[in-house]
Amino acid sequence: MKRFLAVPGLLLAVGGSRPAAAQSAGAGPPGSLILELGPQATFTIGDSVRFGLVAGPRFALRTAGGTRGSLALGAGIVGDSLSGRIEGAVEYQLAPGARGRPGIYFGGGLTGVLGGGRGGYLLLFVGLEQSPGGGSGWAVEAGLGGGFRIRAAYHWRKFPRGRR
């Protein structure tokens, strides 16, 4: 149990040495939620070098501290078959209030695939997001979930009143 708790503690110590500054820079009052919406596309390489590409909407709710819950839906192809994909993840941003510079985040969750590549998979990833404390920006991430996975997205953010 101590080893399990040491990893998040180490990540917070390395990436979050100034939590008060990061929160005041763009997160809003404690307890307020930030809504994120946007398009996303996920590219996968699975068993037997089967390629997949699905695209669709992504929805997320983020706290002032940088914890985010997300849901992504997609339709496309895997191999030579039509496919659908749904992903639910919990993510953590190391600099949620960063403006004008990229911020790193990591996360994990579950993904379900219908059609080609059918099955349920664990999801683990790390990402880079443009200006997470600003109104919008691109994001790219890499990880595992039904094979090696790369996702590209654009996030529009709706901050609570009084944030700016």
C-alpha atoms as a PDB file:
ATOM      1  CA  MET A   1       0.000   0.000   0.000  1.00  0.00           C
ATOM      2  CA  LYS A   2       2.849   2.399   0.804  1.00  0.00           C
ATOM      3  CA  ARG A   3       4.377   1.831  -2.651  1.00  0.00           C
ATOM      4  CA  PHE A   4       1.012   2.511  -4.325  1.00  0.00           C
ATOM      5  CA  LEU A   5       0.654   5.850  -2.512  1.00  0.00           C
ATOM      6  CA  ALA A   6       4.277   6.826  -3.132  1.00  0.00           C
ATOM      7  CA  VAL A   7       3.869   7.024  -6.942  1.00  0.00           C
ATOM      8  CA  PRO A   8       1.114   9.715  -6.958  1.00  0.00           C
ATOM      9  CA  GLY A   9       2.993  11.578  -4.208  1.00  0.00           C
ATOM     10  CA  LEU A  10       6.184  11.578  -6.271  1.00  0.00           C
ATOM     11  CA  LEU A  11       4.323  12.784  -9.386  1.00  0.00           C
ATOM     12  CA  LEU A  12       2.711  15.621  -7.438  1.00  0.00           C
ATOM     13  CA  ALA A  13       6.047  16.619  -5.939  1.00  0.00           C
ATOM     14  CA  VAL A  14       7.741  16.697  -9.344  1.00  0.00           C
ATOM     15  CA  GLY A  15       4.947  18.285 -11.373  1.00  0.00           C
ATOM     16  CA  GLY A  16       3.079  20.327  -8.807  1.00  0.00           C
ATOM     17  CA  SER A  17       5.682  22.163  -6.763  1.00  0.00           C
ATOM     18  CA  ARG A  18       3.534  25.345  -6.853  1.00  0.00           C
ATOM     19  CA  PRO A  19      -0.094  24.196  -6.552  1.00  0.00           C
ATOM     20  CA  ALA A  20      -1.387  27.532  -5.244  1.00  0.00           C
ATOM     21  CA  ALA A  21       0.081  29.419  -8.205  1.00  0.00           C
ATOM     22  CA  ALA A  22      -1.263  26.886 -10.706  1.00  0.00           C
ATOM     23  CA  GLN A  23      -4.755  27.014  -9.248  1.00  0.00           C
ATOM     24  CA  SER A  24      -4.922  30.794  -9.021  1.00  0.00           C
ATOM     25  CA  ALA A  25      -3.652  31.213 -12.586  1.00  0.00           C
ATOM     26  CA  GLY A  26      -6.750  29.840 -14.242  1.00  0.00           C
ATOM     27  CA  ALA A  27      -8.758  27.269 -12.409  1.00  0.00           C
ATOM     28  CA  GLY A  28     -11.518  29.293 -10.747  1.00  0.00           C
ATOM     29  CA  PRO A  29     -12.917  29.055  -7.239  1.00  0.00           C
ATOM     30  CA  PRO A  30     -12.701  25.726  -5.406  1.00  0.00           C
ATOM     31  CA  GLY A  31     -15.673  23.483  -6.076  1.00  0.00           C
ATOM     32  CA  SER A  32     -16.397  24.981  -9.509  1.00  0.00           C
ATOM     33  CA  LEU A  33     -16.418  22.700 -12.554  1.00  0.00           C
ATOM     34  CA  ILE A  34     -14.991  23.470 -15.977  1.00  0.00           C
ATOM     35  CA  LEU A  35     -16.824  21.980 -18.971  1.00  0.00           C
ATOM     36  CA  GLU A  36     -14.777  20.816 -21.962  1.00  0.00           C
ATOM     37  CA  LEU A  37     -16.185  19.840 -25.360  1.00  0.00           C
ATOM     38  CA  GLY A  38     -14.611  19.083 -28.688  1.00  0.00           C
ATOM     39  CA  PRO A  39     -13.823  16.701 -31.523  1.00  0.00           C
ATOM     40  CA  GLN A  40     -11.317  13.876 -31.164  1.00  0.00           C
ATOM     41  CA  ALA A  41      -9.773  11.152 -33.299  1.00  0.00           C
ATOM     42  CA  THR A  42      -8.133   7.993 -31.971  1.00  0.00           C
ATOM     43  CA  PHE A  43      -5.631   5.920 -33.956  1.00  0.00           C
ATOM     44  CA  THR A  44      -4.812   2.393 -32.731  1.00  0.00           C
ATOM     45  CA  ILE A  45      -2.400  -0.342 -33.727  1.00  0.00           C
ATOM     46  CA  GLY A  46      -3.512  -3.696 -32.350  1.00  0.00           C
ATOM     47  CA  ASP A  47      -2.741  -7.389 -32.660  1.00  0.00           C
ATOM     48  CA  SER A  48      -1.508  -8.592 -36.047  1.00  0.00           C
ATOM     49  CA  VAL A  49      -0.713  -4.968 -36.962  1.00  0.00           C
ATOM     50  CA  ARG A  50      -4.392  -4.063 -37.398  1.00  0.00           C
ATOM     51  CA  PHE A  51      -4.833  -0.325 -37.734  1.00  0.00           C
ATOM     52  CA  GLY A  52      -7.881   1.494 -36.487  1.00  0.00           C
ATOM     53  CA  LEU A  53      -9.136   5.054 -36.754  1.00  0.00           C
ATOM     54  CA  VAL A  54     -12.272   6.363 -35.052  1.00  0.00           C
ATOM     55  CA  ALA A  55     -13.468   9.935 -34.597  1.00  0.00           C
ATOM     56  CA  GLY A  56     -16.255  11.660 -32.713  1.00  0.00           C
ATOM     57  CA  PRO A  57     -17.088  13.982 -29.817  1.00  0.00           C
ATOM     58  CA  ARG A  58     -15.378  14.233 -26.424  1.00  0.00           C
ATOM     59  CA  PHE A  59     -16.948  15.602 -23.247  1.00  0.00           C
ATOM     60  CA  ALA A  60     -15.199  16.308 -19.942  1.00  0.00           C
ATOM     61  CA  LEU A  61     -15.719  17.924 -16.544  1.00  0.00           C
ATOM     62  CA  ARG A  62     -12.667  19.276 -14.746  1.00  0.00           C
ATOM     63  CA  THR A  63     -12.172  20.487 -11.184  1.00  0.00           C
ATOM     64  CA  ALA A  64     -10.161  23.554 -10.206  1.00  0.00           C
ATOM     65  CA  GLY A  65      -7.328  21.293  -9.065  1.00  0.00           C
ATOM     66  CA  GLY A  66      -6.929  19.610 -12.459  1.00  0.00           C
ATOM     67  CA  THR A  67      -8.755  16.303 -11.986  1.00  0.00           C
ATOM     68  CA  ARG A  68     -10.861  15.596 -15.049  1.00  0.00           C
ATOM     69  CA  GLY A  69     -13.432  12.966 -15.963  1.00  0.00           C
ATOM     70  CA  SER A  70     -13.858  12.445 -19.704  1.00  0.00           C
ATOM     71  CA  LEU A  71     -16.062  10.504 -22.098  1.00  0.00           C
ATOM     72  CA  ALA A  72     -15.123  10.069 -25.775  1.00  0.00           C
ATOM     73  CA  LEU A  73     -17.236   8.453 -28.469  1.00  0.00           C
ATOM     74  CA  GLY A  74     -16.056   7.449 -31.913  1.00  0.00           C
ATOM     75  CA  ALA A  75     -17.024   5.670 -35.089  1.00  0.00           C
ATOM     76  CA  GLY A  76     -14.665   4.497 -37.813  1.00  0.00           C
ATOM     77  CA  ILE A  77     -12.780   1.409 -38.928  1.00  0.00           C
ATOM     78  CA  VAL A  78     -10.495  -1.183 -37.372  1.00  0.00           C
ATOM     79  CA  GLY A  79      -8.757  -3.393 -39.908  1.00  0.00           C
ATOM     80  CA  ASP A  80     -11.338  -3.807 -42.671  1.00  0.00           C
ATOM     81  CA  SER A  81     -14.410  -3.620 -40.394  1.00  0.00           C
ATOM     82  CA  LEU A  82     -16.638  -0.793 -39.204  1.00  0.00           C
ATOM     83  CA  SER A  83     -16.096  -0.060 -35.537  1.00  0.00           C
ATOM     84  CA  GLY A  84     -17.393   2.002 -32.639  1.00  0.00           C
ATOM     85  CA  ARG A  85     -15.410   3.018 -29.572  1.00  0.00           C
ATOM     86  CA  ILE A  86     -16.358   4.523 -26.213  1.00  0.00           C
ATOM     87  CA  GLU A  87     -13.777   5.643 -23.644  1.00  0.00           C
ATOM     88  CA  GLY A  88     -14.288   6.738 -20.060  1.00  0.00           C
ATOM     89  CA  ALA A  89     -11.245   8.083 -18.234  1.00  0.00           C
ATOM     90  CA  VAL A  90     -10.068   9.934 -15.153  1.00  0.00           C
ATOM     91  CA  GLU A  91      -7.214  12.319 -15.869  1.00  0.00           C
ATOM     92  CA  TYR A  92      -4.935  14.568 -13.825  1.00  0.00           C
ATOM     93  CA  GLN A  93      -3.294  17.727 -15.138  1.00  0.00           C
ATOM     94  CA  LEU A  94       0.017  18.777 -13.637  1.00  0.00           C
ATOM     95  CA  ALA A  95      -0.532  22.490 -14.482  1.00  0.00           C
ATOM     96  CA  PRO A  96      -4.297  23.097 -14.883  1.00  0.00           C
ATOM     97  CA  GLY A  97      -3.972  26.890 -14.881  1.00  0.00           C
ATOM     98  CA  ALA A  98      -1.205  27.134 -17.500  1.00  0.00           C
ATOM     99  CA  ARG A  99      -1.874  29.747 -20.173  1.00  0.00           C
ATOM    100  CA  GLY A 100       0.155  30.255 -23.307  1.00  0.00           C
ATOM    101  CA  ARG A 101       2.161  27.077 -22.745  1.00  0.00           C
ATOM    102  CA  PRO A 102       1.443  23.353 -22.921  1.00  0.00           C
ATOM    103  CA  GLY A 103       0.551  21.306 -19.862  1.00  0.00           C
ATOM    104  CA  ILE A 104       1.142  17.603 -19.228  1.00  0.00           C
ATOM    105  CA  TYR A 105      -1.592  15.261 -18.026  1.00  0.00           C
ATOM    106  CA  PHE A 106      -1.954  11.531 -17.474  1.00  0.00           C
ATOM    107  CA  GLY A 107      -4.884   9.226 -16.986  1.00  0.00           C
ATOM    108  CA  GLY A 108      -6.508   5.862 -17.107  1.00  0.00           C
ATOM    109  CA  GLY A 109      -9.884   4.279 -17.561  1.00  0.00           C
ATOM    110  CA  LEU A 110     -11.814   1.788 -19.643  1.00  0.00           C
ATOM    111  CA  THR A 111     -12.590   1.528 -23.325  1.00  0.00           C
ATOM    112  CA  GLY A 112     -15.113  -0.598 -25.138  1.00  0.00           C
ATOM    113  CA  VAL A 113     -14.914  -1.422 -28.844  1.00  0.00           C
ATOM    114  CA  LEU A 114     -17.730  -2.744 -31.044  1.00  0.00           C
ATOM    115  CA  GLY A 115     -17.298  -4.234 -34.514  1.00  0.00           C
ATOM    116  CA  GLY A 116     -13.662  -4.624 -35.605  1.00  0.00           C
ATOM    117  CA  GLY A 117     -11.388  -5.036 -32.587  1.00  0.00           C
ATOM    118  CA  ARG A 118     -14.359  -5.908 -30.373  1.00  0.00           C
ATOM    119  CA  GLY A 119     -13.731  -6.081 -26.641  1.00  0.00           C
ATOM    120  CA  GLY A 120     -13.157  -4.159 -23.450  1.00  0.00           C
ATOM    121  CA  TYR A 121      -9.731  -2.824 -22.532  1.00  0.00           C
ATOM    122  CA  LEU A 122      -7.924  -0.946 -19.787  1.00  0.00           C
ATOM    123  CA  LEU A 123      -6.749   2.490 -20.830  1.00  0.00           C
ATOM    124  CA  LEU A 124      -3.475   4.162 -19.718  1.00  0.00           C
ATOM    125  CA  PHE A 125      -2.046   7.297 -21.318  1.00  0.00           C
ATOM    126  CA  VAL A 126      -0.012  10.490 -21.010  1.00  0.00           C
ATOM    127  CA  GLY A 127      -0.893  13.675 -22.873  1.00  0.00           C
ATOM    128  CA  LEU A 128       0.156  17.191 -23.765  1.00  0.00           C
ATOM    129  CA  GLU A 129      -2.463  19.950 -23.896  1.00  0.00           C
ATOM    130  CA  GLN A 130      -2.120  23.505 -25.192  1.00  0.00           C
ATOM    131  CA  SER A 131      -2.906  26.190 -22.618  1.00  0.00           C
ATOM    132  CA  PRO A 132      -5.177  24.208 -20.232  1.00  0.00           C
ATOM    133  CA  GLY A 133      -5.998  27.442 -18.349  1.00  0.00           C
ATOM    134  CA  GLY A 134      -7.201  29.166 -21.537  1.00  0.00           C
ATOM    135  CA  GLY A 135     -10.472  29.037 -23.450  1.00  0.00           C
ATOM    136  CA  SER A 136      -9.415  26.409 -26.004  1.00  0.00           C
ATOM    137  CA  GLY A 137      -6.497  24.377 -27.293  1.00  0.00           C
ATOM    138  CA  TRP A 138      -5.276  21.189 -28.932  1.00  0.00           C
ATOM    139  CA  ALA A 139      -4.336  18.005 -27.109  1.00  0.00           C
ATOM    140  CA  VAL A 140      -2.367  14.895 -28.088  1.00  0.00           C
ATOM    141  CA  GLU A 141      -1.879  11.737 -26.045  1.00  0.00           C
ATOM    142  CA  ALA A 142      -0.249   8.359 -26.355  1.00  0.00           C
ATOM    143  CA  GLY A 143      -0.782   5.157 -24.432  1.00  0.00           C
ATOM    144  CA  LEU A 144      -2.388   1.743 -24.370  1.00  0.00           C
ATOM    145  CA  GLY A 145      -6.029   0.725 -24.755  1.00  0.00           C
ATOM    146  CA  GLY A 146      -6.976  -1.936 -27.288  1.00  0.00           C
ATOM    147  CA  GLY A 147      -3.427  -1.778 -28.642  1.00  0.00           C
ATOM    148  CA  PHE A 148      -1.050   1.169 -28.871  1.00  0.00           C
ATOM    149  CA  ARG A 149      -3.203   4.304 -29.007  1.00  0.00           C
ATOM    150  CA  ILE A 150      -2.699   7.906 -30.148  1.00  0.00           C
ATOM    151  CA  ARG A 151      -5.454  10.481 -29.719  1.00  0.00           C
ATOM    152  CA  ALA A 152      -5.628  14.013 -31.118  1.00  0.00           C
ATOM    153  CA  ALA A 153      -8.315  16.447 -30.007  1.00  0.00           C
ATOM    154  CA  TYR A 154      -9.357  20.051 -29.726  1.00  0.00           C
ATOM    155  CA  HIS A 155     -10.858  21.217 -26.411  1.00  0.00           C
ATOM    156  CA  TRP A 156     -13.182  24.185 -25.968  1.00  0.00           C
ATOM    157  CA  ARG A 157     -13.487  25.096 -22.286  1.00  0.00           C
ATOM    158  CA  LYS A 158     -16.349  26.809 -20.467  1.00  0.00           C
ATOM    159  CA  PHE A 159     -15.146  28.218 -17.166  1.00  0.00           C
ATOM    160  CA  PRO A 160     -17.440  29.224 -14.288  1.00  0.00           C
ATOM    161  CA  ARG A 161     -18.560  32.861 -13.965  1.00  0.00           C
ATOM    162  CA  GLY A 162     -16.070  35.158 -12.316  1.00  0.00           C
ATOM    163  CA  ARG A 163     -13.104  33.168 -13.537  1.00  0.00           C
ATOM    164  CA  ARG A 164     -11.736  35.918 -15.811  1.00  0.00           C
END
